């Protein structure tokens, strides 16, 4: 049993926290984790807050894909620090990525796009040019 945002969830022991949160029906964005390949923790999108004990009100940000589930652990997916962290990660990932997805080869079947929408990133704050490459006519 783990506690997430004040609610208890019965989860499988031995799984990583991201798997447990997803199996409990909670929306946690992720990009680098895949059940067949394991955890890397590189994308930083699955950030949540972990509390040390009942008295801990601040907690610390951890990557849920890198955290094993332990009984009676306390987490938060919805705190301002966790959501703000995830929003800044998505914003940086999308900095040079086209928002006009119809030109993308994925054609709407894009995990990055799904995670971007889940986090709520809609508008680009940066007005500079995106990274471009000179055509080398290969």
C-alpha atoms as a PDB file:
ATOM      1  CA  UNK A   1       0.000   0.000   0.000  1.00  0.00           C
ATOM      2  CA  UNK A   2       1.289   3.451  -0.944  1.00  0.00           C
ATOM      3  CA  UNK A   3      -0.216   6.858  -0.332  1.00  0.00           C
ATOM      4  CA  UNK A   4      -0.450   9.319  -3.236  1.00  0.00           C
ATOM      5  CA  UNK A   5      -1.846  12.798  -2.598  1.00  0.00           C
ATOM      6  CA  UNK A   6      -3.573  11.586   0.565  1.00  0.00           C
ATOM      7  CA  UNK A   7      -5.232   8.568  -1.062  1.00  0.00           C
ATOM      8  CA  UNK A   8      -4.146   4.965  -0.492  1.00  0.00           C
ATOM      9  CA  UNK A   9      -3.472   2.591  -3.389  1.00  0.00           C
ATOM     10  CA  UNK A  10      -2.859  -1.136  -3.299  1.00  0.00           C
ATOM     11  CA  UNK A  11       0.045  -1.724  -5.686  1.00  0.00           C
ATOM     12  CA  UNK A  12       2.247  -4.631  -6.641  1.00  0.00           C
ATOM     13  CA  UNK A  13       5.417  -4.886  -4.594  1.00  0.00           C
ATOM     14  CA  UNK A  14       8.645  -4.985  -6.587  1.00  0.00           C
ATOM     15  CA  UNK A  15       7.441  -2.730  -9.381  1.00  0.00           C
ATOM     16  CA  UNK A  16       8.882   0.712  -9.879  1.00  0.00           C
ATOM     17  CA  UNK A  17       6.764   3.624  -8.719  1.00  0.00           C
ATOM     18  CA  UNK A  18       5.902   4.778 -12.257  1.00  0.00           C
ATOM     19  CA  UNK A  19       4.451   1.359 -13.118  1.00  0.00           C
ATOM     20  CA  UNK A  20       2.500   1.372  -9.855  1.00  0.00           C
ATOM     21  CA  UNK A  21       1.102   4.865 -10.460  1.00  0.00           C
ATOM     22  CA  UNK A  22       0.076   4.025 -14.031  1.00  0.00           C
ATOM     23  CA  UNK A  23      -1.546   0.742 -12.940  1.00  0.00           C
ATOM     24  CA  UNK A  24      -3.481   2.692 -10.293  1.00  0.00           C
ATOM     25  CA  UNK A  25      -4.900   4.885 -13.067  1.00  0.00           C
ATOM     26  CA  UNK A  26      -2.917   8.021 -12.243  1.00  0.00           C
ATOM     27  CA  UNK A  27      -1.701  10.232 -15.082  1.00  0.00           C
ATOM     28  CA  UNK A  28       2.055  10.624 -14.816  1.00  0.00           C
ATOM     29  CA  UNK A  29       3.925  11.679 -17.947  1.00  0.00           C
ATOM     30  CA  UNK A  30       6.951   9.663 -19.063  1.00  0.00           C
ATOM     31  CA  UNK A  31       9.022   9.382 -22.187  1.00  0.00           C
ATOM     32  CA  UNK A  32      12.154   7.284 -21.677  1.00  0.00           C
ATOM     33  CA  UNK A  33      10.580   4.389 -19.729  1.00  0.00           C
ATOM     34  CA  UNK A  34       9.202   1.295 -21.455  1.00  0.00           C
ATOM     35  CA  UNK A  35       8.071  -1.896 -19.706  1.00  0.00           C
ATOM     36  CA  UNK A  36      10.239  -4.042 -21.998  1.00  0.00           C
ATOM     37  CA  UNK A  37      13.351  -1.918 -21.570  1.00  0.00           C
ATOM     38  CA  UNK A  38      13.240  -0.786 -17.960  1.00  0.00           C
ATOM     39  CA  UNK A  39      14.073   2.503 -16.317  1.00  0.00           C
ATOM     40  CA  UNK A  40      16.583   5.106 -17.393  1.00  0.00           C
ATOM     41  CA  UNK A  41      15.422   8.286 -15.648  1.00  0.00           C
ATOM     42  CA  UNK A  42      16.809  10.465 -18.430  1.00  0.00           C
ATOM     43  CA  UNK A  43      13.717  12.342 -19.596  1.00  0.00           C
ATOM     44  CA  UNK A  44      12.815  13.616 -16.083  1.00  0.00           C
ATOM     45  CA  UNK A  45       9.106  13.749 -16.980  1.00  0.00           C
ATOM     46  CA  UNK A  46       7.962  11.282 -14.330  1.00  0.00           C
ATOM     47  CA  UNK A  47       8.984  13.534 -11.440  1.00  0.00           C
ATOM     48  CA  UNK A  48       6.927  13.222  -8.268  1.00  0.00           C
ATOM     49  CA  UNK A  49       7.460  14.314  -4.671  1.00  0.00           C
ATOM     50  CA  UNK A  50       8.393  11.704  -2.071  1.00  0.00           C
ATOM     51  CA  UNK A  51       7.891  12.373   1.635  1.00  0.00           C
ATOM     52  CA  UNK A  52      10.252  10.867   4.209  1.00  0.00           C
ATOM     53  CA  UNK A  53       7.572  10.372   6.885  1.00  0.00           C
ATOM     54  CA  UNK A  54       4.280  11.729   8.248  1.00  0.00           C
ATOM     55  CA  UNK A  55       5.934  14.897   9.588  1.00  0.00           C
ATOM     56  CA  UNK A  56       7.644  15.739   6.277  1.00  0.00           C
ATOM     57  CA  UNK A  57       5.583  18.441   4.556  1.00  0.00           C
ATOM     58  CA  UNK A  58       8.125  19.530   1.939  1.00  0.00           C
ATOM     59  CA  UNK A  59       9.337  16.236   0.457  1.00  0.00           C
ATOM     60  CA  UNK A  60      11.844  15.915  -2.355  1.00  0.00           C
ATOM     61  CA  UNK A  61      11.510  15.475  -6.090  1.00  0.00           C
ATOM     62  CA  UNK A  62      12.354  12.004  -7.353  1.00  0.00           C
ATOM     63  CA  UNK A  63      11.979  10.225 -10.690  1.00  0.00           C
ATOM     64  CA  UNK A  64       9.196   7.680 -10.252  1.00  0.00           C
ATOM     65  CA  UNK A  65      10.643   5.298 -12.862  1.00  0.00           C
ATOM     66  CA  UNK A  66      13.817   4.959 -10.764  1.00  0.00           C
ATOM     67  CA  UNK A  67      12.080   4.465  -7.413  1.00  0.00           C
ATOM     68  CA  UNK A  68      11.117   1.004  -6.161  1.00  0.00           C
ATOM     69  CA  UNK A  69       7.751   0.699  -4.443  1.00  0.00           C
ATOM     70  CA  UNK A  70       8.016   0.288  -0.691  1.00  0.00           C
ATOM     71  CA  UNK A  71       5.132  -0.333   1.662  1.00  0.00           C
ATOM     72  CA  UNK A  72       3.589   2.746   3.326  1.00  0.00           C
ATOM     73  CA  UNK A  73       5.600   5.204   1.226  1.00  0.00           C
ATOM     74  CA  UNK A  74       4.059   8.658   0.689  1.00  0.00           C
ATOM     75  CA  UNK A  75       4.133  10.526  -2.626  1.00  0.00           C
ATOM     76  CA  UNK A  76       2.499  13.419  -4.411  1.00  0.00           C
ATOM     77  CA  UNK A  77       1.910  13.746  -8.130  1.00  0.00           C
ATOM     78  CA  UNK A  78      -0.041  17.003  -7.915  1.00  0.00           C
ATOM     79  CA  UNK A  79       2.100  19.313  -5.763  1.00  0.00           C
ATOM     80  CA  UNK A  80       3.144  22.588  -7.325  1.00  0.00           C
ATOM     81  CA  UNK A  81       6.821  21.627  -7.146  1.00  0.00           C
ATOM     82  CA  UNK A  82       6.265  18.348  -9.051  1.00  0.00           C
ATOM     83  CA  UNK A  83       3.932  19.805 -11.686  1.00  0.00           C
ATOM     84  CA  UNK A  84       6.167  22.847 -12.164  1.00  0.00           C
ATOM     85  CA  UNK A  85       9.208  20.611 -12.571  1.00  0.00           C
ATOM     86  CA  UNK A  86       7.441  18.467 -15.192  1.00  0.00           C
ATOM     87  CA  UNK A  87       6.172  21.551 -17.048  1.00  0.00           C
ATOM     88  CA  UNK A  88       9.683  22.997 -17.320  1.00  0.00           C
ATOM     89  CA  UNK A  89      11.046  19.664 -18.578  1.00  0.00           C
ATOM     90  CA  UNK A  90       8.358  19.443 -21.287  1.00  0.00           C
ATOM     91  CA  UNK A  91       8.905  23.061 -22.253  1.00  0.00           C
ATOM     92  CA  UNK A  92      12.610  22.400 -22.781  1.00  0.00           C
ATOM     93  CA  UNK A  93      11.934  19.182 -24.706  1.00  0.00           C
ATOM     94  CA  UNK A  94       9.520  21.029 -26.985  1.00  0.00           C
ATOM     95  CA  UNK A  95      11.828  24.012 -27.513  1.00  0.00           C
ATOM     96  CA  UNK A  96      13.015  22.801 -30.929  1.00  0.00           C
ATOM     97  CA  UNK A  97      10.212  20.365 -31.627  1.00  0.00           C
ATOM     98  CA  UNK A  98       7.489  21.413 -34.084  1.00  0.00           C
ATOM     99  CA  UNK A  99       4.131  22.090 -32.483  1.00  0.00           C
ATOM    100  CA  UNK A 100       2.454  21.826 -35.892  1.00  0.00           C
ATOM    101  CA  UNK A 101       2.193  18.059 -35.676  1.00  0.00           C
ATOM    102  CA  UNK A 102       0.381  17.485 -39.004  1.00  0.00           C
ATOM    103  CA  UNK A 103       3.780  17.820 -40.709  1.00  0.00           C
ATOM    104  CA  UNK A 104       5.235  15.119 -38.466  1.00  0.00           C
ATOM    105  CA  UNK A 105       5.708  11.577 -39.767  1.00  0.00           C
ATOM    106  CA  UNK A 106       3.960  10.229 -36.665  1.00  0.00           C
ATOM    107  CA  UNK A 107       0.691  11.805 -37.864  1.00  0.00           C
ATOM    108  CA  UNK A 108      -0.896  12.217 -34.436  1.00  0.00           C
ATOM    109  CA  UNK A 109       0.349   8.871 -33.073  1.00  0.00           C
ATOM    110  CA  UNK A 110       3.047  10.535 -31.008  1.00  0.00           C
ATOM    111  CA  UNK A 111       3.847   9.704 -27.393  1.00  0.00           C
ATOM    112  CA  UNK A 112       5.700  13.017 -26.942  1.00  0.00           C
ATOM    113  CA  UNK A 113       2.622  14.904 -28.148  1.00  0.00           C
ATOM    114  CA  UNK A 114       0.417  12.922 -25.742  1.00  0.00           C
ATOM    115  CA  UNK A 115       2.705  13.695 -22.802  1.00  0.00           C
ATOM    116  CA  UNK A 116       2.890  17.374 -23.798  1.00  0.00           C
ATOM    117  CA  UNK A 117      -0.903  17.638 -23.795  1.00  0.00           C
ATOM    118  CA  UNK A 118      -1.088  15.758 -20.469  1.00  0.00           C
ATOM    119  CA  UNK A 119       1.257  18.271 -18.829  1.00  0.00           C
ATOM    120  CA  UNK A 120      -0.694  21.187 -20.316  1.00  0.00           C
ATOM    121  CA  UNK A 121       2.036  22.738 -22.449  1.00  0.00           C
ATOM    122  CA  UNK A 122       0.268  24.576 -25.282  1.00  0.00           C
ATOM    123  CA  UNK A 123       2.101  27.801 -26.009  1.00  0.00           C
ATOM    124  CA  UNK A 124       5.715  28.485 -26.810  1.00  0.00           C
ATOM    125  CA  UNK A 125       7.232  31.286 -24.690  1.00  0.00           C
ATOM    126  CA  UNK A 126      10.301  31.627 -26.874  1.00  0.00           C
ATOM    127  CA  UNK A 127       9.975  33.743 -29.996  1.00  0.00           C
ATOM    128  CA  UNK A 128      13.395  33.034 -31.505  1.00  0.00           C
ATOM    129  CA  UNK A 129      13.920  30.790 -34.499  1.00  0.00           C
ATOM    130  CA  UNK A 130      13.915  27.063 -34.034  1.00  0.00           C
ATOM    131  CA  UNK A 131      17.067  25.141 -34.729  1.00  0.00           C
ATOM    132  CA  UNK A 132      17.420  24.631 -38.470  1.00  0.00           C
ATOM    133  CA  UNK A 133      19.944  22.772 -40.583  1.00  0.00           C
ATOM    134  CA  UNK A 134      21.388  23.750 -43.913  1.00  0.00           C
ATOM    135  CA  UNK A 135      20.405  21.352 -46.697  1.00  0.00           C
ATOM    136  CA  UNK A 136      23.521  19.386 -47.634  1.00  0.00           C
ATOM    137  CA  UNK A 137      21.882  17.687 -50.639  1.00  0.00           C
ATOM    138  CA  UNK A 138      23.000  14.235 -49.623  1.00  0.00           C
END
